[in-house]
Amino acid sequence: MLITNPFSEVSSTIPSIVLQLFVIVMIVLVAAGTLFDIAHKKNMKYFFENYKKAKSAATKKLGSAEVASIVTKTVASDILTTAELGAGQRRAAHLLGMYGSIMFWISSAIMIFCYASPNANTPNIFPLMWHIGAIMTCLGGYWFWFFLRVDVSAEANPWHRIVRADLFVLSLLAAATLGLVWSYLQSAGILGWDKLFLVLFGLSNILLFGGVYWSKFAHMFYKPGAAIQKNLSEADGFRDDLPPPADKPKQFGLGIKRESPKHY
């Protein structure tokens, strides 16, 4: 099962071009959902306004070498290893889910576009990546869902309480779980059930990639830029979110000057 390309196996009944078109449609849905999210929530407008504000308030001009160093460190720390989450369980679950999903999606695209024919000789590495990525996604996602969500662990809400913000993680978990079940049923030759779970796997992907506008999927595109902007702003002297030094009151964005404490 782990070294079997499930898309090659199913291509005897579903032409590879159909699978490829499905992937293309999912990419279009992600792009469209992200653009609608930007237009409606005005995230990019806020981002650029904050960027201009930071540049105008900067007290130091960064050189190109400094900028490159900060961007590199931000990518390595805040994005690739999510160091801002600390060294606890939340970070471990996030990394499992993040890298599992990346492996799952990349290997899916490679197998569908390069090896989705009935007699394709798929290198073992790609189906292995696909299955391991799906397993990692499930481990990280279910760990987060049942044990680490703030409203469950801190507010004692039931694990089955669902809000719109949960659409991303639930649809991602559904896609990974149903994909694994479909692959198992197909490799075990359990006819009928394998087709059912293939359909469910496809529907879960439509929900995942088609629900970008209503879920937190688009945040994956905002977070790197926001983290880089924050660290660059701090390096050039802009401190929008920190209190001013005690001997130097700061003019805040709302036009309200912080007064020094009065002692009576």
Protein backbone atom coordinates (compact mmCIF):
# COMPACT_ATOMS: atom_id res chain seq x y z
CA MET A 1 0.00 0.00 0.00
CA LEU A 2 2.67 2.51 1.04
CA ILE A 3 4.59 2.24 -2.24
CA THR A 4 1.55 1.94 -4.51
CA ASN A 5 0.48 4.98 -6.53
CA PRO A 6 -3.31 5.10 -5.92
CA PHE A 7 -3.83 7.51 -8.82
CA SER A 8 -2.17 5.11 -11.25
CA GLU A 9 -4.43 2.30 -10.04
CA VAL A 10 -7.62 4.33 -10.48
CA SER A 11 -6.62 5.69 -13.89
CA SER A 12 -7.94 2.53 -15.54
CA THR A 13 -11.47 3.82 -14.85
CA ILE A 14 -10.86 7.58 -14.58
CA PRO A 15 -8.68 9.07 -17.38
CA SER A 16 -5.55 10.82 -16.13
CA ILE A 17 -6.65 14.02 -17.88
CA VAL A 18 -9.69 14.15 -15.59
CA LEU A 19 -7.48 13.88 -12.51
CA GLN A 20 -5.20 16.59 -13.86
CA LEU A 21 -8.11 18.92 -14.62
CA PHE A 22 -9.38 18.34 -11.09
CA VAL A 23 -6.03 19.51 -9.66
CA ILE A 24 -6.05 22.58 -11.92
CA VAL A 25 -9.57 23.46 -10.81
CA MET A 26 -8.50 23.16 -7.15
CA ILE A 27 -5.60 25.57 -7.80
CA VAL A 28 -7.99 28.03 -9.46
CA LEU A 29 -10.35 27.76 -6.48
CA VAL A 30 -7.52 28.56 -4.07
CA ALA A 31 -6.45 31.57 -6.14
CA ALA A 32 -10.02 32.86 -6.50
CA GLY A 33 -10.82 32.33 -2.83
CA THR A 34 -7.66 34.15 -1.77
CA LEU A 35 -8.42 37.10 -4.07
CA PHE A 36 -11.99 37.34 -2.75
CA ASP A 37 -10.61 37.19 0.79
CA ILE A 38 -8.21 40.04 0.02
CA ALA A 39 -10.92 42.14 -1.62
CA HIS A 40 -13.54 41.64 1.09
CA LYS A 41 -11.42 41.69 4.26
CA LYS A 42 -8.94 44.26 2.90
CA ASN A 43 -6.00 42.37 4.40
CA MET A 44 -3.54 43.55 1.75
CA LYS A 45 -4.69 47.15 2.13
CA TYR A 46 -4.03 46.95 5.87
CA PHE A 47 -0.67 45.28 5.20
CA PHE A 48 0.57 48.05 2.87
CA GLU A 49 -0.80 50.83 5.07
CA ASN A 50 1.04 49.35 8.03
CA TYR A 51 4.15 48.96 5.89
CA LYS A 52 4.08 52.65 4.88
CA LYS A 53 3.46 53.67 8.48
CA ALA A 54 6.43 51.61 9.63
CA LYS A 55 8.71 53.06 6.95
CA SER A 56 7.76 56.64 7.77
CA ALA A 57 8.36 56.06 11.50
CA ALA A 58 11.64 54.16 11.05
CA THR A 59 14.67 55.56 12.84
CA LYS A 60 17.27 53.50 10.97
CA LYS A 61 17.82 52.68 7.32
CA LEU A 62 18.57 49.02 6.75
CA GLY A 63 21.12 47.94 4.19
CA SER A 64 20.45 45.20 1.67
CA ALA A 65 22.63 42.75 3.62
CA GLU A 66 20.68 43.43 6.83
CA VAL A 67 17.36 43.02 5.04
CA ALA A 68 18.48 39.73 3.49
CA SER A 69 19.70 38.49 6.89
CA ILE A 70 16.42 39.38 8.62
CA VAL A 71 14.32 37.80 5.87
CA THR A 72 16.41 34.62 6.00
CA LYS A 73 16.15 34.37 9.78
CA THR A 74 12.41 35.05 9.68
CA VAL A 75 11.83 32.33 7.08
CA ALA A 76 13.96 29.85 9.04
CA SER A 77 12.49 30.68 12.45
CA ASP A 78 8.93 32.01 12.13
CA ILE A 79 7.87 30.23 8.93
CA LEU A 80 9.80 26.97 8.46
CA THR A 81 10.05 26.03 12.15
CA THR A 82 7.27 28.19 13.71
CA ALA A 83 9.55 29.13 16.60
CA GLU A 84 7.01 31.68 17.87
CA LEU A 85 4.91 28.77 19.15
CA GLY A 86 7.64 27.78 21.60
CA ALA A 87 8.92 24.27 22.20
CA GLY A 88 5.69 22.66 23.34
CA GLN A 89 3.07 20.32 21.95
CA ARG A 90 1.33 23.01 19.90
CA ARG A 91 4.45 23.60 17.84
CA ALA A 92 5.05 19.87 17.33
CA ALA A 93 1.46 19.33 16.18
CA HIS A 94 1.66 22.34 13.86
CA LEU A 95 4.91 21.15 12.25
CA LEU A 96 3.52 17.64 11.76
CA GLY A 97 0.42 19.00 10.07
CA MET A 98 2.25 21.61 8.00
CA TYR A 99 4.99 19.42 6.58
CA GLY A 100 2.64 16.47 6.26
CA SER A 101 0.25 18.55 4.15
CA ILE A 102 3.08 19.88 1.98
CA MET A 103 4.33 16.34 1.31
CA PHE A 104 0.77 15.15 0.67
CA TRP A 105 -0.02 17.90 -1.86
CA ILE A 106 3.31 17.90 -3.70
CA SER A 107 3.41 14.12 -4.10
CA SER A 108 -0.24 14.14 -5.23
CA ALA A 109 0.55 16.65 -7.99
CA ILE A 110 3.64 14.74 -9.12
CA MET A 111 1.86 11.38 -9.27
CA ILE A 112 -1.21 12.81 -11.02
CA PHE A 113 0.69 14.78 -13.67
CA CYS A 114 3.61 12.40 -14.23
CA TYR A 115 2.53 8.87 -13.27
CA ALA A 116 -1.26 8.66 -13.50
CA SER A 117 -1.50 6.04 -16.23
CA PRO A 118 -2.42 2.36 -15.79
CA ASN A 119 1.08 1.09 -16.59
CA ALA A 120 3.08 3.94 -15.04
CA ASN A 121 6.27 2.94 -13.27
CA THR A 122 6.03 5.29 -10.31
CA PRO A 123 9.22 5.70 -8.23
CA ASN A 124 8.53 4.39 -4.74
CA ILE A 125 9.49 7.71 -3.15
CA PHE A 126 6.35 9.51 -4.34
CA PRO A 127 3.63 7.14 -3.06
CA LEU A 128 5.69 6.79 0.13
CA MET A 129 5.72 10.59 0.51
CA TRP A 130 1.98 10.67 -0.17
CA HIS A 131 1.11 8.14 2.51
CA ILE A 132 3.57 9.44 5.11
CA GLY A 133 2.41 13.01 4.44
CA ALA A 134 -1.21 12.02 4.97
CA ILE A 135 -0.32 10.17 8.20
CA MET A 136 1.66 13.17 9.50
CA THR A 137 -1.26 15.47 8.66
CA CYS A 138 -3.63 13.23 10.61
CA LEU A 139 -1.30 12.96 13.61
CA GLY A 140 -0.78 16.71 13.84
CA GLY A 141 -4.37 17.60 13.03
CA TYR A 142 -6.10 15.20 15.40
CA TRP A 143 -3.60 16.03 18.14
CA PHE A 144 -4.49 19.70 17.74
CA TRP A 145 -8.23 19.10 17.39
CA PHE A 146 -8.76 16.92 20.45
CA PHE A 147 -6.14 18.24 22.87
CA LEU A 148 -4.61 21.59 21.96
CA ARG A 149 -7.34 23.94 20.75
CA VAL A 150 -7.55 26.94 23.06
CA ASP A 151 -11.33 26.85 23.50
CA VAL A 152 -11.20 23.14 24.35
CA SER A 153 -8.17 23.02 26.64
CA ALA A 154 -8.68 26.38 28.37
CA GLU A 155 -12.42 27.03 28.17
CA ALA A 156 -13.63 23.44 28.60
CA ASN A 157 -15.72 23.48 25.43
CA PRO A 158 -16.55 20.06 23.90
CA TRP A 159 -14.24 18.82 21.13
CA HIS A 160 -17.21 18.58 18.74
CA ARG A 161 -18.03 22.31 19.01
CA ILE A 162 -17.44 23.62 15.48
CA VAL A 163 -17.23 27.20 14.21
CA ARG A 164 -16.48 28.52 10.73
CA ALA A 165 -12.80 29.01 11.55
CA ASP A 166 -12.53 25.21 11.96
CA LEU A 167 -13.37 24.58 8.29
CA PHE A 168 -9.74 24.49 7.20
CA VAL A 169 -8.42 21.99 9.73
CA LEU A 170 -11.51 19.75 9.49
CA SER A 171 -11.51 19.62 5.68
CA LEU A 172 -7.74 19.03 5.69
CA LEU A 173 -8.16 16.15 8.14
CA ALA A 174 -11.03 14.75 6.10
CA ALA A 175 -8.95 14.81 2.90
CA ALA A 176 -5.95 13.10 4.52
CA THR A 177 -8.05 10.51 6.37
CA LEU A 178 -10.29 9.65 3.44
CA GLY A 179 -7.27 9.48 1.13
CA LEU A 180 -5.62 6.90 3.37
CA VAL A 181 -8.82 4.85 3.66
CA TRP A 182 -9.32 4.96 -0.11
CA SER A 183 -5.74 3.84 -0.74
CA TYR A 184 -6.12 0.94 1.69
CA LEU A 185 -9.44 -0.23 0.23
CA GLN A 186 -8.03 -0.01 -3.29
CA SER A 187 -4.85 -1.95 -2.45
CA ALA A 188 -6.91 -4.56 -0.58
CA GLY A 189 -9.20 -4.98 -3.59
CA ILE A 190 -12.38 -4.18 -1.67
CA LEU A 191 -14.55 -3.24 -4.63
CA GLY A 192 -17.38 -0.77 -4.26
CA TRP A 193 -16.11 0.70 -1.01
CA ASP A 194 -12.95 1.93 -2.72
CA LYS A 195 -15.06 3.89 -5.23
CA LEU A 196 -17.19 5.35 -2.45
CA PHE A 197 -14.16 6.61 -0.54
CA LEU A 198 -12.61 7.96 -3.75
CA VAL A 199 -15.73 10.11 -4.20
CA LEU A 200 -15.59 11.19 -0.55
CA PHE A 201 -11.88 11.98 -0.95
CA GLY A 202 -12.66 14.16 -3.94
CA LEU A 203 -15.49 15.97 -2.12
CA SER A 204 -13.25 16.65 0.88
CA ASN A 205 -10.69 18.25 -1.43
CA ILE A 206 -13.38 20.42 -3.02
CA LEU A 207 -14.40 21.55 0.47
CA LEU A 208 -10.77 22.20 1.44
CA PHE A 209 -9.68 24.14 -1.64
CA GLY A 210 -13.07 25.59 -2.50
CA GLY A 211 -13.66 26.86 1.04
CA VAL A 212 -10.65 29.19 1.11
CA TYR A 213 -12.80 32.30 1.45
CA TRP A 214 -14.62 30.91 4.52
CA SER A 215 -11.68 29.19 6.20
CA LYS A 216 -8.20 30.11 7.43
CA PHE A 217 -6.53 28.69 4.33
CA ALA A 218 -5.64 32.14 2.99
CA HIS A 219 -3.75 32.92 6.20
CA MET A 220 -0.96 30.67 4.94
CA PHE A 221 -0.24 33.31 2.30
CA TYR A 222 -0.47 36.31 4.66
CA LYS A 223 1.58 34.96 7.56
CA PRO A 224 5.04 34.94 5.88
CA GLY A 225 4.67 38.52 4.65
CA ALA A 226 3.36 39.74 8.01
CA ALA A 227 6.21 38.05 9.91
CA ILE A 228 8.85 39.52 7.59
CA GLN A 229 7.30 42.99 7.81
CA LYS A 230 7.18 42.82 11.62
CA ASN A 231 10.83 41.84 11.99
CA LEU A 232 12.01 44.41 9.45
CA SER A 233 10.02 47.12 11.22
CA GLU A 234 11.53 46.20 14.57
CA ALA A 235 15.03 46.22 13.09
CA ASP A 236 14.67 49.71 11.61
CA GLY A 237 13.45 51.15 14.89
CA PHE A 238 9.66 51.13 14.46
CA ARG A 239 7.81 49.90 17.58
CA ASP A 240 4.08 50.23 17.03
CA ASP A 241 3.07 47.64 19.60
CA LEU A 242 5.50 48.46 22.41
CA PRO A 243 5.12 51.15 25.09
CA PRO A 244 7.50 54.11 24.73
CA PRO A 245 10.49 54.60 27.02
CA ALA A 246 9.61 56.16 30.35
CA ASP A 247 11.48 59.36 29.55
CA LYS A 248 10.12 59.79 26.02
CA PRO A 249 6.32 59.76 25.54
CA LYS A 250 5.22 58.44 22.16
CA GLN A 251 2.58 59.80 19.81
CA PHE A 252 0.17 56.96 19.05
CA GLY A 253 -1.77 56.40 15.83
CA LEU A 254 -5.03 57.73 17.24
CA GLY A 255 -3.50 61.11 17.96
CA ILE A 256 -3.42 60.52 21.72
CA LYS A 257 -0.16 61.30 23.48
CA ARG A 258 0.68 59.09 26.41
CA GLU A 259 1.21 61.20 29.52
CA SER A 260 3.85 60.54 32.13
CA PRO A 261 2.44 59.08 35.36
CA LYS A 262 1.45 61.63 37.95
CA HIS A 263 2.34 61.08 41.59
CA TYR A 264 0.25 62.70 44.25
